[in-house]
Amino acid sequence: MVKGASAGEGLGNKFLSQIRNVGAIVHVVRCIENKDIAHVDGAINPVRDVATIHTELILKDIESIDNRIKSVGKLTKSGDNDAKCKFELLIKIGDYFNKGNLIVDLELSDDERLKLKSFFLLTAKPVIFVANISDDILINQTSQYYESLSIYIKKRK
């Protein structure tokens, strides 16, 4: 995925719509240098790459939430109690997104989690990080790229 995917860059919307139906997201993050394989951003930086993906997922989810707020907002005016609860949850989620957070990290009640599933948000999915490293890194157990990724992931938890 590339920067701008939420707006259609690269495989963009096609890719994002496909992962909407998965149970979890696996990030395979490049942590090795190879002069024969160009990086889309010009240099290897696993933390930047993960942050780019998170940003694109958040942007796509914000678009989805904004659309739902409009449609559910209309139902709340008719006095629909379920719509009112969904609307409040959508506003809560929107506020959380605007702080740059992934929904998977948001503390929600069991009832809110159940409602959240019906939104099919990309950032509500569990994430598994896989560091793509070389055999040399496995043997020597050292890599600035792997270390920076590891620190970033630990800070998220």
N, C-alpha and C. Protein backbone atom coordinates (compact mmCIF):
# COMPACT_ATOMS: atom_id res chain seq x y z
N MET A 1 0.85 -1.17 0.00
CA MET A 1 0.00 0.00 0.00
C MET A 1 0.90 1.23 0.00
N VAL A 2 0.48 2.25 -0.70
CA VAL A 2 1.27 3.47 -0.80
C VAL A 2 0.51 4.65 -0.20
N LYS A 3 1.25 5.69 0.10
CA LYS A 3 0.64 6.92 0.58
C LYS A 3 -0.37 7.40 -0.46
N GLY A 4 -1.55 7.75 -0.01
CA GLY A 4 -2.60 8.20 -0.92
C GLY A 4 -3.56 7.09 -1.34
N ALA A 5 -3.36 5.88 -0.80
CA ALA A 5 -4.21 4.75 -1.18
C ALA A 5 -5.68 5.01 -0.87
N SER A 6 -5.96 5.70 0.23
CA SER A 6 -7.34 5.98 0.60
C SER A 6 -8.02 6.90 -0.40
N ALA A 7 -7.22 7.60 -1.19
CA ALA A 7 -7.75 8.50 -2.23
C ALA A 7 -7.61 7.88 -3.62
N GLY A 8 -7.23 6.59 -3.68
CA GLY A 8 -7.17 5.89 -4.96
C GLY A 8 -5.79 5.70 -5.53
N GLU A 9 -4.73 6.15 -4.85
CA GLU A 9 -3.36 5.97 -5.35
C GLU A 9 -2.98 4.49 -5.30
N GLY A 10 -2.09 4.07 -6.20
CA GLY A 10 -1.66 2.68 -6.24
C GLY A 10 -2.87 1.79 -6.50
N LEU A 11 -2.96 0.70 -5.75
CA LEU A 11 -4.14 -0.17 -5.87
C LEU A 11 -5.31 0.43 -5.12
N GLY A 12 -5.00 1.38 -4.24
CA GLY A 12 -5.98 2.21 -3.55
C GLY A 12 -7.25 1.55 -3.08
N ASN A 13 -8.37 2.07 -3.56
CA ASN A 13 -9.68 1.64 -3.08
C ASN A 13 -9.94 0.16 -3.31
N LYS A 14 -9.44 -0.38 -4.40
CA LYS A 14 -9.63 -1.81 -4.69
C LYS A 14 -9.00 -2.66 -3.59
N PHE A 15 -7.78 -2.33 -3.22
CA PHE A 15 -7.08 -3.06 -2.16
C PHE A 15 -7.79 -2.89 -0.82
N LEU A 16 -8.14 -1.66 -0.49
CA LEU A 16 -8.78 -1.38 0.79
C LEU A 16 -10.14 -2.07 0.90
N SER A 17 -10.88 -2.14 -0.20
CA SER A 17 -12.19 -2.82 -0.15
C SER A 17 -12.01 -4.32 0.03
N GLN A 18 -10.94 -4.88 -0.49
CA GLN A 18 -10.68 -6.32 -0.32
C GLN A 18 -10.36 -6.67 1.13
N ILE A 19 -9.58 -5.83 1.81
CA ILE A 19 -9.20 -6.17 3.19
C ILE A 19 -10.31 -5.87 4.19
N ARG A 20 -11.37 -5.20 3.74
CA ARG A 20 -12.50 -4.93 4.61
C ARG A 20 -13.16 -6.24 5.08
N ASN A 21 -12.99 -7.31 4.30
CA ASN A 21 -13.64 -8.58 4.59
C ASN A 21 -12.76 -9.59 5.33
N VAL A 22 -11.55 -9.22 5.69
CA VAL A 22 -10.64 -10.15 6.37
C VAL A 22 -10.83 -10.07 7.88
N GLY A 23 -10.38 -11.11 8.58
CA GLY A 23 -10.50 -11.15 10.03
C GLY A 23 -9.36 -10.46 10.75
N ALA A 24 -8.22 -10.33 10.10
CA ALA A 24 -7.05 -9.67 10.69
C ALA A 24 -6.18 -9.13 9.56
N ILE A 25 -5.33 -8.19 9.90
CA ILE A 25 -4.40 -7.61 8.92
C ILE A 25 -2.99 -8.01 9.32
N VAL A 26 -2.25 -8.51 8.34
CA VAL A 26 -0.85 -8.86 8.56
C VAL A 26 0.00 -7.84 7.80
N HIS A 27 0.79 -7.08 8.54
CA HIS A 27 1.72 -6.12 7.93
C HIS A 27 3.05 -6.82 7.76
N VAL A 28 3.47 -7.04 6.53
CA VAL A 28 4.82 -7.53 6.27
C VAL A 28 5.65 -6.28 6.01
N VAL A 29 6.56 -6.01 6.93
CA VAL A 29 7.29 -4.75 6.92
C VAL A 29 8.75 -5.00 6.53
N ARG A 30 9.18 -4.28 5.52
CA ARG A 30 10.55 -4.44 5.03
C ARG A 30 11.55 -3.89 6.04
N CYS A 31 12.45 -4.77 6.48
CA CYS A 31 13.50 -4.39 7.43
C CYS A 31 14.88 -4.78 6.92
N ILE A 32 15.00 -4.93 5.61
CA ILE A 32 16.29 -5.30 5.02
C ILE A 32 16.63 -4.35 3.88
N GLU A 33 17.92 -4.16 3.70
CA GLU A 33 18.39 -3.35 2.58
C GLU A 33 18.76 -4.28 1.42
N ASN A 34 18.39 -3.85 0.24
CA ASN A 34 18.79 -4.56 -0.96
C ASN A 34 18.81 -3.52 -2.08
N LYS A 35 20.00 -3.19 -2.54
CA LYS A 35 20.13 -2.14 -3.55
C LYS A 35 19.45 -2.51 -4.86
N ASP A 36 19.15 -3.79 -5.06
CA ASP A 36 18.49 -4.23 -6.30
C ASP A 36 16.97 -4.10 -6.24
N ILE A 37 16.45 -3.81 -5.05
CA ILE A 37 15.00 -3.68 -4.89
C ILE A 37 14.71 -2.27 -4.38
N ALA A 38 14.12 -1.49 -5.25
CA ALA A 38 13.82 -0.09 -4.90
C ALA A 38 12.68 -0.04 -3.89
N HIS A 39 12.72 0.95 -3.03
CA HIS A 39 11.62 1.21 -2.09
C HIS A 39 10.79 2.34 -2.64
N VAL A 40 9.48 2.23 -2.55
CA VAL A 40 8.58 3.22 -3.13
C VAL A 40 8.84 4.63 -2.60
N ASP A 41 9.31 4.74 -1.36
CA ASP A 41 9.59 6.06 -0.77
C ASP A 41 11.08 6.42 -0.85
N GLY A 42 11.87 5.62 -1.52
CA GLY A 42 13.27 5.95 -1.74
C GLY A 42 14.24 5.41 -0.71
N ALA A 43 13.79 5.16 0.50
CA ALA A 43 14.67 4.65 1.55
C ALA A 43 13.87 3.76 2.49
N ILE A 44 14.56 2.86 3.13
CA ILE A 44 13.90 1.94 4.06
C ILE A 44 13.68 2.64 5.39
N ASN A 45 12.45 2.58 5.86
CA ASN A 45 12.08 3.14 7.15
C ASN A 45 10.81 2.42 7.60
N PRO A 46 10.96 1.31 8.32
CA PRO A 46 9.80 0.50 8.69
C PRO A 46 8.75 1.26 9.51
N VAL A 47 9.19 2.15 10.38
CA VAL A 47 8.24 2.91 11.20
C VAL A 47 7.41 3.82 10.31
N ARG A 48 8.04 4.50 9.38
CA ARG A 48 7.31 5.35 8.43
C ARG A 48 6.34 4.52 7.60
N ASP A 49 6.78 3.33 7.17
CA ASP A 49 5.93 2.48 6.35
C ASP A 49 4.68 2.03 7.11
N VAL A 50 4.85 1.64 8.36
CA VAL A 50 3.71 1.23 9.19
C VAL A 50 2.80 2.43 9.44
N ALA A 51 3.39 3.58 9.73
CA ALA A 51 2.59 4.78 9.98
C ALA A 51 1.81 5.18 8.72
N THR A 52 2.40 5.03 7.56
CA THR A 52 1.70 5.33 6.30
C THR A 52 0.48 4.43 6.14
N ILE A 53 0.66 3.15 6.40
CA ILE A 53 -0.46 2.22 6.29
C ILE A 53 -1.55 2.56 7.30
N HIS A 54 -1.15 2.82 8.53
CA HIS A 54 -2.13 3.20 9.55
C HIS A 54 -2.90 4.45 9.12
N THR A 55 -2.19 5.44 8.61
CA THR A 55 -2.84 6.68 8.17
C THR A 55 -3.84 6.40 7.06
N GLU A 56 -3.47 5.60 6.09
CA GLU A 56 -4.37 5.28 4.98
C GLU A 56 -5.61 4.52 5.47
N LEU A 57 -5.42 3.60 6.40
CA LEU A 57 -6.56 2.86 6.95
C LEU A 57 -7.49 3.80 7.72
N ILE A 58 -6.89 4.69 8.50
CA ILE A 58 -7.69 5.66 9.27
C ILE A 58 -8.46 6.58 8.32
N LEU A 59 -7.81 7.07 7.28
CA LEU A 59 -8.48 7.97 6.34
C LEU A 59 -9.66 7.28 5.66
N LYS A 60 -9.48 6.02 5.30
CA LYS A 60 -10.58 5.28 4.66
C LYS A 60 -11.71 5.07 5.65
N ASP A 61 -11.37 4.76 6.90
CA ASP A 61 -12.39 4.56 7.92
C ASP A 61 -13.11 5.87 8.25
N ILE A 62 -12.40 6.98 8.25
CA ILE A 62 -13.04 8.28 8.49
C ILE A 62 -14.08 8.54 7.40
N GLU A 63 -13.73 8.24 6.17
CA GLU A 63 -14.67 8.41 5.06
C GLU A 63 -15.92 7.55 5.29
N SER A 64 -15.70 6.32 5.71
CA SER A 64 -16.82 5.40 5.97
C SER A 64 -17.68 5.89 7.13
N ILE A 65 -17.04 6.34 8.20
CA ILE A 65 -17.76 6.84 9.38
C ILE A 65 -18.55 8.10 9.02
N ASP A 66 -17.96 9.00 8.28
CA ASP A 66 -18.66 10.23 7.88
C ASP A 66 -19.93 9.91 7.09
N ASN A 67 -19.83 8.94 6.19
CA ASN A 67 -21.01 8.54 5.42
C ASN A 67 -22.08 7.93 6.31
N ARG A 68 -21.65 7.11 7.27
CA ARG A 68 -22.62 6.49 8.20
C ARG A 68 -23.26 7.52 9.11
N ILE A 69 -22.48 8.50 9.55
CA ILE A 69 -23.02 9.56 10.42
C ILE A 69 -24.16 10.27 9.70
N LYS A 70 -23.97 10.55 8.42
CA LYS A 70 -25.02 11.22 7.64
C LYS A 70 -26.28 10.37 7.55
N SER A 71 -26.11 9.08 7.24
CA SER A 71 -27.30 8.24 7.07
C SER A 71 -27.97 7.90 8.39
N VAL A 72 -27.19 7.61 9.42
CA VAL A 72 -27.76 7.28 10.74
C VAL A 72 -28.34 8.53 11.39
N GLY A 73 -27.72 9.68 11.13
CA GLY A 73 -28.21 10.94 11.68
C GLY A 73 -29.65 11.21 11.26
N LYS A 74 -29.99 10.86 10.04
CA LYS A 74 -31.36 11.05 9.55
C LYS A 74 -32.34 10.16 10.32
N LEU A 75 -31.91 8.94 10.65
CA LEU A 75 -32.78 8.02 11.38
C LEU A 75 -33.01 8.47 12.82
N THR A 76 -32.02 9.13 13.41
CA THR A 76 -32.17 9.57 14.81
C THR A 76 -33.27 10.60 14.94
N LYS A 77 -33.49 11.38 13.89
CA LYS A 77 -34.54 12.40 13.91
C LYS A 77 -35.94 11.78 13.97
N SER A 78 -36.05 10.52 13.53
CA SER A 78 -37.35 9.85 13.55
C SER A 78 -37.63 9.21 14.92
N GLY A 79 -36.65 9.32 15.84
CA GLY A 79 -36.84 8.77 17.18
C GLY A 79 -36.38 7.34 17.34
N ASP A 80 -35.68 6.81 16.34
CA ASP A 80 -35.17 5.43 16.39
C ASP A 80 -34.08 5.35 17.46
N ASN A 81 -34.34 4.60 18.53
CA ASN A 81 -33.42 4.50 19.67
C ASN A 81 -32.12 3.80 19.28
N ASP A 82 -32.20 2.72 18.47
CA ASP A 82 -31.00 2.01 18.03
C ASP A 82 -30.12 2.94 17.18
N ALA A 83 -30.77 3.71 16.33
CA ALA A 83 -30.03 4.66 15.50
C ALA A 83 -29.32 5.70 16.36
N LYS A 84 -29.97 6.13 17.44
CA LYS A 84 -29.36 7.11 18.33
C LYS A 84 -28.10 6.54 18.98
N CYS A 85 -28.17 5.28 19.43
CA CYS A 85 -26.99 4.62 20.03
C CYS A 85 -25.86 4.49 19.01
N LYS A 86 -26.21 4.08 17.78
CA LYS A 86 -25.20 3.96 16.72
C LYS A 86 -24.59 5.33 16.40
N PHE A 87 -25.44 6.35 16.36
CA PHE A 87 -24.97 7.70 16.05
C PHE A 87 -23.96 8.16 17.10
N GLU A 88 -24.27 7.94 18.37
CA GLU A 88 -23.35 8.33 19.45
C GLU A 88 -22.03 7.57 19.34
N LEU A 89 -22.11 6.28 19.00
CA LEU A 89 -20.89 5.49 18.82
C LEU A 89 -20.08 6.01 17.63
N LEU A 90 -20.75 6.34 16.55
CA LEU A 90 -20.06 6.86 15.37
C LEU A 90 -19.33 8.17 15.68
N ILE A 91 -19.97 9.02 16.46
CA ILE A 91 -19.33 10.29 16.86
C ILE A 91 -18.11 10.00 17.74
N LYS A 92 -18.24 9.06 18.66
CA LYS A 92 -17.13 8.67 19.54
C LYS A 92 -15.95 8.15 18.70
N ILE A 93 -16.27 7.31 17.73
CA ILE A 93 -15.24 6.74 16.86
C ILE A 93 -14.59 7.84 16.02
N GLY A 94 -15.40 8.72 15.47
CA GLY A 94 -14.88 9.82 14.66
C GLY A 94 -13.91 10.69 15.44
N ASP A 95 -14.26 11.00 16.69
CA ASP A 95 -13.38 11.79 17.54
C ASP A 95 -12.06 11.05 17.78
N TYR A 96 -12.14 9.75 17.99
CA TYR A 96 -10.95 8.94 18.23
C TYR A 96 -10.05 8.91 16.99
N PHE A 97 -10.67 8.77 15.81
CA PHE A 97 -9.92 8.79 14.55
C PHE A 97 -9.20 10.11 14.37
N ASN A 98 -9.87 11.19 14.69
CA ASN A 98 -9.29 12.52 14.48
C ASN A 98 -8.06 12.76 15.34
N LYS A 99 -7.83 11.91 16.33
CA LYS A 99 -6.61 11.98 17.14
C LYS A 99 -5.52 11.08 16.55
N GLY A 100 -5.81 10.44 15.40
CA GLY A 100 -4.83 9.58 14.72
C GLY A 100 -4.75 8.18 15.28
N ASN A 101 -5.79 7.74 15.96
CA ASN A 101 -5.77 6.42 16.61
C ASN A 101 -6.46 5.36 15.78
N LEU A 102 -6.05 4.12 15.99
CA LEU A 102 -6.71 2.97 15.38
C LEU A 102 -7.84 2.51 16.30
N ILE A 103 -8.95 2.15 15.73
CA ILE A 103 -10.10 1.75 16.53
C ILE A 103 -9.82 0.49 17.34
N VAL A 104 -8.96 -0.35 16.87
CA VAL A 104 -8.63 -1.58 17.61
C VAL A 104 -8.11 -1.24 19.01
N ASP A 105 -7.58 -0.02 19.19
CA ASP A 105 -7.04 0.41 20.48
C ASP A 105 -8.07 1.12 21.37
N LEU A 106 -9.27 1.37 20.85
CA LEU A 106 -10.29 2.11 21.59
C LEU A 106 -11.02 1.19 22.57
N GLU A 107 -11.14 1.65 23.81
CA GLU A 107 -11.88 0.87 24.80
C GLU A 107 -13.37 1.08 24.59
N LEU A 108 -14.08 -0.03 24.40
CA LEU A 108 -15.51 0.00 24.15
C LEU A 108 -16.22 -1.03 25.01
N SER A 109 -17.48 -0.78 25.27
CA SER A 109 -18.30 -1.76 25.99
C SER A 109 -18.59 -2.94 25.05
N ASP A 110 -19.08 -4.03 25.60
CA ASP A 110 -19.43 -5.19 24.78
C ASP A 110 -20.49 -4.83 23.74
N ASP A 111 -21.47 -4.04 24.15
CA ASP A 111 -22.54 -3.61 23.24
C ASP A 111 -21.97 -2.74 22.11
N GLU A 112 -21.04 -1.84 22.46
CA GLU A 112 -20.42 -0.99 21.44
C GLU A 112 -19.59 -1.82 20.47
N ARG A 113 -18.87 -2.81 20.99
CA ARG A 113 -18.06 -3.70 20.14
C ARG A 113 -18.95 -4.44 19.14
N LEU A 114 -20.11 -4.88 19.62
CA LEU A 114 -21.05 -5.59 18.75
C LEU A 114 -21.54 -4.67 17.62
N LYS A 115 -21.89 -3.45 17.96
CA LYS A 115 -22.32 -2.47 16.95
C LYS A 115 -21.16 -2.14 16.00
N LEU A 116 -19.96 -2.03 16.55
CA LEU A 116 -18.78 -1.70 15.75
C LEU A 116 -18.55 -2.71 14.63
N LYS A 117 -18.79 -3.99 14.91
CA LYS A 117 -18.58 -5.02 13.89
C LYS A 117 -19.40 -4.76 12.64
N SER A 118 -20.59 -4.20 12.81
CA SER A 118 -21.46 -3.95 11.65
C SER A 118 -20.93 -2.82 10.77
N PHE A 119 -19.95 -2.06 11.25
CA PHE A 119 -19.38 -0.96 10.47
C PHE A 119 -18.27 -1.42 9.54
N PHE A 120 -17.71 -2.62 9.76
CA PHE A 120 -16.64 -3.18 8.94
C PHE A 120 -15.46 -2.22 8.77
N LEU A 121 -15.01 -1.66 9.89
CA LEU A 121 -13.89 -0.71 9.85
C LEU A 121 -12.56 -1.44 9.71
N LEU A 122 -11.70 -0.88 8.91
CA LEU A 122 -10.38 -1.47 8.67
C LEU A 122 -9.52 -1.44 9.92
N THR A 123 -9.59 -0.36 10.68
CA THR A 123 -8.73 -0.22 11.85
C THR A 123 -9.27 -0.92 13.09
N ALA A 124 -10.40 -1.61 12.95
CA ALA A 124 -10.93 -2.37 14.07
C ALA A 124 -10.40 -3.81 14.05
N LYS A 125 -9.67 -4.14 13.02
CA LYS A 125 -9.16 -5.50 12.86
C LYS A 125 -7.86 -5.69 13.64
N PRO A 126 -7.67 -6.87 14.20
CA PRO A 126 -6.38 -7.15 14.85
C PRO A 126 -5.26 -7.08 13.82
N VAL A 127 -4.08 -6.66 14.27
CA VAL A 127 -2.95 -6.49 13.37
C VAL A 127 -1.79 -7.36 13.84
N ILE A 128 -1.19 -8.05 12.88
CA ILE A 128 0.01 -8.86 13.13
C ILE A 128 1.14 -8.23 12.31
N PHE A 129 2.25 -7.96 12.95
CA PHE A 129 3.40 -7.39 12.25
C PHE A 129 4.41 -8.50 11.97
N VAL A 130 4.88 -8.57 10.73
CA VAL A 130 5.90 -9.53 10.34
C VAL A 130 7.06 -8.72 9.77
N ALA A 131 8.21 -8.84 10.42
CA ALA A 131 9.41 -8.13 9.94
C ALA A 131 10.09 -8.98 8.88
N ASN A 132 10.24 -8.42 7.69
CA ASN A 132 10.93 -9.10 6.61
C ASN A 132 12.42 -8.81 6.81
N ILE A 133 13.14 -9.82 7.31
CA ILE A 133 14.56 -9.65 7.62
C ILE A 133 15.40 -10.68 6.87
N SER A 134 16.70 -10.44 6.81
CA SER A 134 17.62 -11.33 6.11
C SER A 134 18.13 -12.42 7.04
N ASP A 135 18.72 -13.44 6.44
CA ASP A 135 19.34 -14.51 7.23
C ASP A 135 20.44 -13.96 8.13
N ASP A 136 21.17 -12.97 7.63
CA ASP A 136 22.24 -12.35 8.40
C ASP A 136 21.71 -11.73 9.69
N ILE A 137 20.56 -11.09 9.59
CA ILE A 137 19.97 -10.49 10.78
C ILE A 137 19.55 -11.58 11.76
N LEU A 138 19.05 -12.69 11.25
CA LEU A 138 18.68 -13.80 12.13
C LEU A 138 19.90 -14.32 12.89
N ILE A 139 21.01 -14.43 12.20
CA ILE A 139 22.23 -14.96 12.81
C ILE A 139 22.83 -13.95 13.80
N ASN A 140 22.98 -12.72 13.37
CA ASN A 140 23.62 -11.68 14.19
C ASN A 140 22.66 -11.01 15.17
N GLN A 141 21.38 -11.19 14.96
CA GLN A 141 20.33 -10.63 15.82
C GLN A 141 20.46 -9.12 16.01
N THR A 142 20.80 -8.43 14.92
CA THR A 142 20.89 -6.98 15.00
C THR A 142 20.49 -6.34 13.68
N SER A 143 19.69 -5.32 13.78
CA SER A 143 19.27 -4.56 12.61
C SER A 143 18.63 -3.28 13.10
N GLN A 144 19.12 -2.15 12.62
CA GLN A 144 18.53 -0.87 13.03
C GLN A 144 17.07 -0.80 12.61
N TYR A 145 16.74 -1.38 11.46
CA TYR A 145 15.37 -1.33 10.98
C TYR A 145 14.45 -2.17 11.85
N TYR A 146 14.91 -3.39 12.15
CA TYR A 146 14.10 -4.27 12.99
C TYR A 146 13.93 -3.66 14.39
N GLU A 147 15.00 -3.12 14.92
CA GLU A 147 14.95 -2.52 16.26
C GLU A 147 13.97 -1.35 16.30
N SER A 148 14.01 -0.48 15.29
CA SER A 148 13.11 0.67 15.28
C SER A 148 11.65 0.22 15.16
N LEU A 149 11.41 -0.81 14.36
CA LEU A 149 10.05 -1.35 14.23
C LEU A 149 9.59 -1.96 15.55
N SER A 150 10.47 -2.71 16.17
CA SER A 150 10.14 -3.36 17.45
C SER A 150 9.79 -2.32 18.53
N ILE A 151 10.56 -1.27 18.62
CA ILE A 151 10.31 -0.21 19.60
C ILE A 151 8.97 0.46 19.31
N TYR A 152 8.71 0.76 18.05
CA TYR A 152 7.45 1.40 17.65
C TYR A 152 6.25 0.54 18.03
N ILE A 153 6.32 -0.74 17.76
CA ILE A 153 5.21 -1.64 18.05
C ILE A 153 5.00 -1.75 19.56
N LYS A 154 6.07 -1.84 20.32
CA LYS A 154 5.96 -1.94 21.78
C LYS A 154 5.33 -0.67 22.37
N LYS A 155 5.62 0.49 21.80
CA LYS A 155 5.03 1.75 22.29
C LYS A 155 3.53 1.79 22.04
N ARG A 156 3.08 1.14 20.99
CA ARG A 156 1.65 1.11 20.65
C ARG A 156 0.84 0.33 21.67
N LYS A 157 1.44 -0.61 22.33
CA LYS A 157 0.71 -1.51 23.22
C LYS A 157 0.45 -0.90 24.56
